[in-house]
Structures are given as structure tokens and as C-alpha cells.
């Protein structure tokens, strides 16, 4: 995986990681967060390299599929961009209804 894919998986895992099995969470943490190779993870867990690869691939498919269905990461990115376009003064002067109206467009 390249760095962009690693970051994407890490973000998806932050949002949806609890939907994975405990084993998938452990393997993904070792592989993505701890930057271990498939071989290193397999040695650490005493399982085959192929079992690690299968677990990583299945976990990634689950995370991406969940994002496609729920879209929480995309929604939060849109909110982040909207807020970045507004100054702190603009935001502090907005009423609750104005903020709700702004977010409803998402």
C-alpha cells in the first residue's frame, strides 16, 4: 500500500474499526498503525502470511463498503471544508439556525 492508501485505511478504521472482528482489528493495527510487514505480522501471530493478507484485504473491503453505505467520513470532510472557509469571527456570529441551515446543505 502507498502512503495515501495507508492514510485512507487509518481514517476509515478510526470511524468504522469497531465493526471489524477483534482479529481483524489486531491485524490491521499491526499492519497499518505499527507499519509491520505481512510477514512480520504473520510471525508475531504465528499464522501464515496469506492469512494476514486475507484478513487485511477483508477488513479494508469492510471499511470501504461501510463508508460507501454511511458516508460519515465524506460528510465530516465536507463539514471541515465549510468551516475552514469561514473565519472564527464568522462562525461565532452565526446563530444556531444559520449553522443548522448551512449543514443541511450537506
C-alpha atoms as a PDB file:
ATOM      1  CA  UNK A   1       0.000   0.000   0.000  1.00  0.00           C
ATOM      2  CA  UNK A   2       1.167   3.516  -0.718  1.00  0.00           C
ATOM      3  CA  UNK A   3       1.010   6.303   1.834  1.00  0.00           C
ATOM      4  CA  UNK A   4      -2.349   7.665   0.573  1.00  0.00           C
ATOM      5  CA  UNK A   5      -3.952   4.240   0.908  1.00  0.00           C
ATOM      6  CA  UNK A   6      -2.490   3.796   4.387  1.00  0.00           C
ATOM      7  CA  UNK A   7      -3.900   7.156   5.474  1.00  0.00           C
ATOM      8  CA  UNK A   8      -7.291   6.339   3.943  1.00  0.00           C
ATOM      9  CA  UNK A   9      -7.436   2.975   5.721  1.00  0.00           C
ATOM     10  CA  UNK A  10      -6.344   4.567   9.007  1.00  0.00           C
ATOM     11  CA  UNK A  11      -9.139   7.165   8.761  1.00  0.00           C
ATOM     12  CA  UNK A  12     -11.742   4.567   7.831  1.00  0.00           C
ATOM     13  CA  UNK A  13     -10.529   2.384  10.679  1.00  0.00           C
ATOM     14  CA  UNK A  14     -10.942   5.278  13.112  1.00  0.00           C
ATOM     15  CA  UNK A  15     -14.586   5.641  12.091  1.00  0.00           C
ATOM     16  CA  UNK A  16     -15.608   2.038  11.491  1.00  0.00           C
ATOM     17  CA  UNK A  17     -12.941  -0.161  13.082  1.00  0.00           C
ATOM     18  CA  UNK A  18     -15.276  -1.430  15.801  1.00  0.00           C
ATOM     19  CA  UNK A  19     -17.294  -3.162  13.069  1.00  0.00           C
ATOM     20  CA  UNK A  20     -14.352  -5.458  12.352  1.00  0.00           C
ATOM     21  CA  UNK A  21     -13.685  -8.661  14.243  1.00  0.00           C
ATOM     22  CA  UNK A  22     -11.205  -8.450  17.092  1.00  0.00           C
ATOM     23  CA  UNK A  23      -8.729 -10.438  14.996  1.00  0.00           C
ATOM     24  CA  UNK A  24      -9.110  -8.099  12.006  1.00  0.00           C
ATOM     25  CA  UNK A  25      -8.660  -5.087  14.308  1.00  0.00           C
ATOM     26  CA  UNK A  26      -5.482  -6.562  15.769  1.00  0.00           C
ATOM     27  CA  UNK A  27      -4.018  -7.447  12.384  1.00  0.00           C
ATOM     28  CA  UNK A  28      -4.928  -4.101  10.825  1.00  0.00           C
ATOM     29  CA  UNK A  29      -3.413  -2.240  13.774  1.00  0.00           C
ATOM     30  CA  UNK A  30      -0.169  -4.146  13.430  1.00  0.00           C
ATOM     31  CA  UNK A  31      -0.067  -3.738   9.659  1.00  0.00           C
ATOM     32  CA  UNK A  32      -1.274  -0.144   9.271  1.00  0.00           C
ATOM     33  CA  UNK A  33      -0.653   1.603  12.589  1.00  0.00           C
ATOM     34  CA  UNK A  34       2.547  -0.189  13.564  1.00  0.00           C
ATOM     35  CA  UNK A  35       3.803  -0.412   9.972  1.00  0.00           C
ATOM     36  CA  UNK A  36       4.701  -4.106  10.202  1.00  0.00           C
ATOM     37  CA  UNK A  37       5.015  -6.133   7.032  1.00  0.00           C
ATOM     38  CA  UNK A  38       2.650  -9.008   6.301  1.00  0.00           C
ATOM     39  CA  UNK A  39       5.486 -11.378   7.137  1.00  0.00           C
ATOM     40  CA  UNK A  40       6.208  -9.655  10.454  1.00  0.00           C
ATOM     41  CA  UNK A  41       2.538  -9.792  11.436  1.00  0.00           C
ATOM     42  CA  UNK A  42       2.352 -13.463  10.482  1.00  0.00           C
ATOM     43  CA  UNK A  43       5.404 -14.256  12.618  1.00  0.00           C
ATOM     44  CA  UNK A  44       4.068 -12.244  15.550  1.00  0.00           C
ATOM     45  CA  UNK A  45       0.712 -14.053  15.460  1.00  0.00           C
ATOM     46  CA  UNK A  46       2.047 -17.447  14.351  1.00  0.00           C
ATOM     47  CA  UNK A  47      -0.211 -17.573  11.322  1.00  0.00           C
ATOM     48  CA  UNK A  48       0.539 -17.709   7.620  1.00  0.00           C
ATOM     49  CA  UNK A  49       1.368 -14.641   5.602  1.00  0.00           C
ATOM     50  CA  UNK A  50      -1.627 -15.460   3.392  1.00  0.00           C
ATOM     51  CA  UNK A  51      -3.940 -15.469   6.431  1.00  0.00           C
ATOM     52  CA  UNK A  52      -2.680 -11.989   7.342  1.00  0.00           C
ATOM     53  CA  UNK A  53      -3.158 -10.752   3.774  1.00  0.00           C
ATOM     54  CA  UNK A  54      -6.679 -12.188   3.649  1.00  0.00           C
ATOM     55  CA  UNK A  55      -7.575 -10.553   6.978  1.00  0.00           C
ATOM     56  CA  UNK A  56      -6.182  -7.179   5.857  1.00  0.00           C
ATOM     57  CA  UNK A  57      -7.967  -7.356   2.498  1.00  0.00           C
ATOM     58  CA  UNK A  58     -11.272  -8.371   4.085  1.00  0.00           C
ATOM     59  CA  UNK A  59     -11.008  -5.637   6.707  1.00  0.00           C
ATOM     60  CA  UNK A  60     -10.296  -2.985   4.069  1.00  0.00           C
ATOM     61  CA  UNK A  61     -13.244  -4.127   1.950  1.00  0.00           C
ATOM     62  CA  UNK A  62     -15.481  -3.961   5.028  1.00  0.00           C
ATOM     63  CA  UNK A  63     -14.280  -0.458   5.929  1.00  0.00           C
ATOM     64  CA  UNK A  64     -14.685   0.884   2.380  1.00  0.00           C
ATOM     65  CA  UNK A  65     -18.079  -0.748   1.952  1.00  0.00           C
ATOM     66  CA  UNK A  66     -19.293   0.744   5.222  1.00  0.00           C
ATOM     67  CA  UNK A  67     -18.130   4.214   4.150  1.00  0.00           C
ATOM     68  CA  UNK A  68     -19.955   3.816   0.823  1.00  0.00           C
ATOM     69  CA  UNK A  69     -23.151   2.994   2.710  1.00  0.00           C
ATOM     70  CA  UNK A  70     -22.904   5.506   5.568  1.00  0.00           C
ATOM     71  CA  UNK A  71     -20.640   8.248   4.224  1.00  0.00           C
ATOM     72  CA  UNK A  72     -19.573   9.603   7.623  1.00  0.00           C
ATOM     73  CA  UNK A  73     -16.003  10.320   6.539  1.00  0.00           C
ATOM     74  CA  UNK A  74     -17.159  12.175   3.416  1.00  0.00           C
ATOM     75  CA  UNK A  75     -19.729  14.116   5.448  1.00  0.00           C
ATOM     76  CA  UNK A  76     -17.163  15.158   8.022  1.00  0.00           C
ATOM     77  CA  UNK A  77     -14.732  16.223   5.293  1.00  0.00           C
ATOM     78  CA  UNK A  78     -17.426  18.456   3.789  1.00  0.00           C
ATOM     79  CA  UNK A  79     -18.113  19.999   7.202  1.00  0.00           C
ATOM     80  CA  UNK A  80     -14.397  20.534   7.722  1.00  0.00           C
ATOM     81  CA  UNK A  81     -14.076  22.336   4.375  1.00  0.00           C
ATOM     82  CA  UNK A  82     -17.104  24.519   5.073  1.00  0.00           C
ATOM     83  CA  UNK A  83     -15.710  25.517   8.453  1.00  0.00           C
ATOM     84  CA  UNK A  84     -12.260  26.164   7.010  1.00  0.00           C
ATOM     85  CA  UNK A  85     -13.843  28.627   4.573  1.00  0.00           C
ATOM     86  CA  UNK A  86     -15.397  30.571   7.445  1.00  0.00           C
ATOM     87  CA  UNK A  87     -13.370  32.672   9.828  1.00  0.00           C
ATOM     88  CA  UNK A  88     -13.718  32.213  13.575  1.00  0.00           C
ATOM     89  CA  UNK A  89     -15.482  35.566  13.719  1.00  0.00           C
ATOM     90  CA  UNK A  90     -17.979  34.456  11.058  1.00  0.00           C
ATOM     91  CA  UNK A  91     -18.702  31.253  12.941  1.00  0.00           C
ATOM     92  CA  UNK A  92     -19.046  32.920  16.333  1.00  0.00           C
ATOM     93  CA  UNK A  93     -21.525  35.442  14.877  1.00  0.00           C
ATOM     94  CA  UNK A  94     -23.698  32.769  13.259  1.00  0.00           C
ATOM     95  CA  UNK A  95     -26.864  31.767  15.030  1.00  0.00           C
ATOM     96  CA  UNK A  96     -27.658  28.167  15.746  1.00  0.00           C
ATOM     97  CA  UNK A  97     -30.284  28.188  12.965  1.00  0.00           C
ATOM     98  CA  UNK A  98     -27.785  29.562  10.457  1.00  0.00           C
ATOM     99  CA  UNK A  99     -25.328  26.815  11.311  1.00  0.00           C
ATOM    100  CA  UNK A 100     -28.034  24.161  11.001  1.00  0.00           C
ATOM    101  CA  UNK A 101     -29.094  25.584   7.636  1.00  0.00           C
ATOM    102  CA  UNK A 102     -25.505  25.548   6.445  1.00  0.00           C
ATOM    103  CA  UNK A 103     -25.041  21.926   7.486  1.00  0.00           C
ATOM    104  CA  UNK A 104     -28.357  20.846   5.946  1.00  0.00           C
ATOM    105  CA  UNK A 105     -26.885  21.589   2.536  1.00  0.00           C
ATOM    106  CA  UNK A 106     -24.515  18.702   3.122  1.00  0.00           C
END
